[in-house]
Each structure stands twice: as structure tokens, then as C-alpha cells.
Amino acid sequence: MKKSYKAAAILLIVQGGLMEFSVFIGVIPLLLLGVEQGTISEHFSFIVPYLQDNLYLMMVTSPWR
């Protein structure tokens, strides 16, 4: 039983890392294509307005949180 917990923990860490790093990689094409932040933030809704206004900043800093 203990081995399965260790395997599950490793898989969760890997999955979390891939999710965070993919957001960081995803900002590169957006910046190269010149997509404005306002265009992207129309499709996402955050409760905190700071997050809505600084979406690119969140994407760039996602691996280092």
C-alpha cells in the first residue's frame, strides 16, 4: 500500500509541474504573434481584478511560484 502512495505522489508532482510549465511555454507564441492581453483576458474570468489585468505576468511567473 505504501508504494502506491509514493507512485501517486510522484505522478501528482509531475502533473503539476507539466501544467505550470505548459502555461509558461504557451505565453511565448502569444507574445510572438502580438496578441494583446486584453484579448486573452476576455476569455477568462478571475474574481480578483489584479489577476485579470496581469494575465501575461501570471503566465510568465507560473513556474516560479
Protein backbone atom coordinates (compact mmCIF):
# COMPACT_ATOMS: atom_id res chain seq x y z
CA MET A 1 0.00 0.00 0.00
CA LYS A 2 2.84 2.41 0.79
CA LYS A 3 4.36 2.04 -2.70
CA SER A 4 1.12 3.08 -4.36
CA TYR A 5 1.05 6.29 -2.31
CA LYS A 6 4.60 7.07 -3.38
CA ALA A 7 3.76 6.45 -7.05
CA ALA A 8 0.64 8.60 -6.77
CA ALA A 9 2.62 11.42 -5.14
CA ILE A 10 5.24 11.31 -7.89
CA LEU A 11 2.57 11.38 -10.59
CA LEU A 12 0.86 14.36 -8.96
CA ILE A 13 4.13 16.27 -8.75
CA VAL A 14 4.93 15.54 -12.39
CA GLN A 15 1.41 16.51 -13.50
CA GLY A 16 1.55 19.77 -11.55
CA GLY A 17 4.93 20.63 -12.98
CA LEU A 18 3.78 19.96 -16.53
CA MET A 19 0.68 22.09 -16.05
CA GLU A 20 2.66 25.05 -14.72
CA PHE A 21 5.44 24.78 -17.32
CA SER A 22 2.99 24.45 -20.23
CA VAL A 23 1.43 27.80 -19.28
CA PHE A 24 4.90 29.37 -19.31
CA ILE A 25 5.64 27.87 -22.75
CA GLY A 26 2.20 28.97 -24.01
CA VAL A 27 2.96 32.64 -23.44
CA ILE A 28 5.81 32.59 -25.99
CA PRO A 29 3.62 32.15 -29.10
CA LEU A 30 1.15 34.71 -27.75
CA LEU A 31 3.89 37.30 -27.40
CA LEU A 32 5.45 36.45 -30.79
CA LEU A 33 2.07 36.76 -32.53
CA GLY A 34 1.44 40.09 -30.82
CA VAL A 35 -1.79 39.05 -29.14
CA GLU A 36 -2.83 41.74 -26.69
CA GLN A 37 -3.51 40.84 -23.08
CA GLY A 38 -6.99 42.35 -23.23
CA THR A 39 -7.94 39.92 -26.00
CA ILE A 40 -6.92 36.92 -23.93
CA SER A 41 -8.42 38.13 -20.67
CA GLU A 42 -11.85 38.36 -22.33
CA HIS A 43 -11.98 34.55 -22.31
CA PHE A 44 -11.00 34.09 -18.65
CA SER A 45 -12.77 35.39 -15.60
CA PHE A 46 -10.98 35.90 -12.29
CA ILE A 47 -12.52 37.10 -9.05
CA VAL A 48 -9.51 39.27 -8.26
CA PRO A 49 -9.19 42.13 -10.80
CA TYR A 50 -5.40 42.19 -10.38
CA LEU A 51 -5.17 38.72 -11.90
CA GLN A 52 -7.41 39.74 -14.80
CA ASP A 53 -5.27 42.81 -15.52
CA ASN A 54 -1.93 40.97 -15.29
CA LEU A 55 -2.60 37.70 -17.10
CA TYR A 56 0.67 37.70 -19.06
CA LEU A 57 2.63 38.36 -15.87
CA MET A 58 0.96 35.37 -14.23
CA MET A 59 1.76 33.17 -17.22
CA VAL A 60 5.43 34.15 -17.23
CA THR A 61 5.90 33.68 -13.50
CA SER A 62 3.89 30.45 -13.24
CA PRO A 63 6.87 28.05 -12.98
CA TRP A 64 8.45 30.11 -10.18
CA ARG A 65 5.52 30.46 -7.80
